[in-house]
Amino acid sequence: MLSYFHDFQREPVLDESSSIEYPVKQMERDWLIISEYVRRQIQENEIVRDISIAFIGRPVTADLPLEFINALAEKDEEIKKYINKLQLLIEFLNLPTIPEESVKTDIAHIATFQPIDKFADIVMRSGAPEDIRLKLMEKFLTSSRGKGFTSQEKLMTASRYQWARDIKILALSAEILQNKPLRINEDGEISLGSGANIVLDAETDEALNLLDPTNWQRKRMLKSRVHEIEVGGSPYILKEKRTKMHYDEKRNPTERRYSSRDEFNAARALSQHSPQERGEFVISWEKPLGLVEFPDGYEFCVFQHEGSLINEEDFVERLTHEIQAHAHQFEADFNRIAVKGKQYFDHKIVMGMIKNEAMTPVYSDDHPMLTFEDYAYVKAWRTYLKSIDLLRQTAYENNYNNSDADGYAFKIIEDEQGMRVGIVGFDFEEYEKIDSQQSSEFMQIDFETKRFMESTGGNIAFGRWFDDTLITRKQRAAYLAMIDEEGLLDHEISRAGV
């Protein structure tokens, strides 16, 4: 029975065993070698330059890298000799990839291939009658698992598409070089003969220099569509327009994709109001410097590099230690919260979550007081949540809504005002322009949602801090004192719980 069904399931192009023939790092290294060689030849060889320009309007496909290499080898004997040394790469470029029509949201989230042998083993051990086993096998073959793709096929396809985008950038450098000096129109844009369009930030003199790939000293991928480039010894961030052929590991990829111009406009509108100081917080936005639109739809933006940022996973821990190191700055707030927290010690939110302390019916002076170390944990957690809220609120105030749940990182700022928290907004691909009325509605909904979450204990409903320390009853009480001061604790719930 198994051999019969084998004929109806495709054989993977690459799987765990066969992919050993094409080591990932070697394939990436070989592509880097040939693309860097071509980049240098574009500046010196007119034939290579002309061939490259012809690819600026070609669609980004998995076959483009091989077509590009073949076109160069056909016209330039030196490149042909160079390419002949990389036969394993050529074999890799000839392998069939995942058809674009099979991809709905992005490559990473295509159903993963499951060999029929494994499923058949489960079916055979089930003890089901033969007719049922046959139906199960037939159903499996038409399921997403039976028709899926291996992890190795996904990565191969993603690599080939990324290399195709590298070719677009090589083509851009060739056309810019061919058409120097470039003419900038009154809108701060440059239209190339191929139909490619360069948009410059009016306030940035070096924008054109940054958008010319011949000036890039280095380019490395950070994730999916995001790369770091180096120009004149300084780093910048390049973000491609996201497509379904990017390898996006986000859990809930969206099918809605804005253009790089939309992303550029949102970033420019928000960064014009940056930085904004709001008490202990500094709100800022990644600054866009320019964008390039290709005739086939490939696009990218270049942004100012924000320097060393703290990611979300590490921020609360880092901030807790910073608060402890700046105890004098937080002394008054600590003393106030330590006293006010007493009235919440028997609050029903606190009482309902106690799993690690003795249940004491009323607050007693004999109960351990809130220490500054206790306070630092709570203050860091509350500051983290507030900073995200403020970033979102600032976007609303500027008539933008971010439909994505992330797109920010943090800084610890030390200046004449003491230690403060900076939050930087970026990844504008999901920022949607809204009108003032929508903005007001979003802010009202946001406030009501926050108040409900806080009034039901939703943001303190976990048992341990980042370092596995148990959250204590007095810390939960201190947290309620903080949110009540912010007007986020519903008074009816508060009265009922005390």
Foldseek 3Di string as FASTA:
>chain_A
DVVVLQVLFDDALDAPVRCVLPDPVVLVVLLVVLLVVLLVCLVPPVVSLVLLLVLLQPDQFLLQVLVSLVSCVVVDVVSVVVVVVVVSNNVLSPGDADDPVQFQQALQPQAAADDLVVVLVVLVVVPDDPVVSVVVSVVCCPDSRRHTHHPSRSVSLLVSSVSSVSSNLSNQLSQPVVDPPFDQDPQQKTATPQRKIKHFDPVDPCLVVVSRVSQWPDWDDPAFQWIWTAGPNFIKIKGKFDDNHTNDPDPDGDSDWDAVVLQQVLQCLQQVCPFDDDPQETEHEWHWGIKMATNNGIIMTITGDPPDFAAPLCQLVVQLVVCVVPVVVCVVVVVVLQVQLQLCLQFCLLVVQDDDDDDDNHDDPVPDTQDVSLVSSLVSLVLSVVRLVVNQLSCLVSQKHQPDPDAKTKDFDQDPVGTGIYIYGHDSRRIDGHDNVVSVVVNVVVLVVQLVCVQNVVSPNDAAGPVRHGNHSSSSSSNNSVVVVVVSHPVVSVVVGD
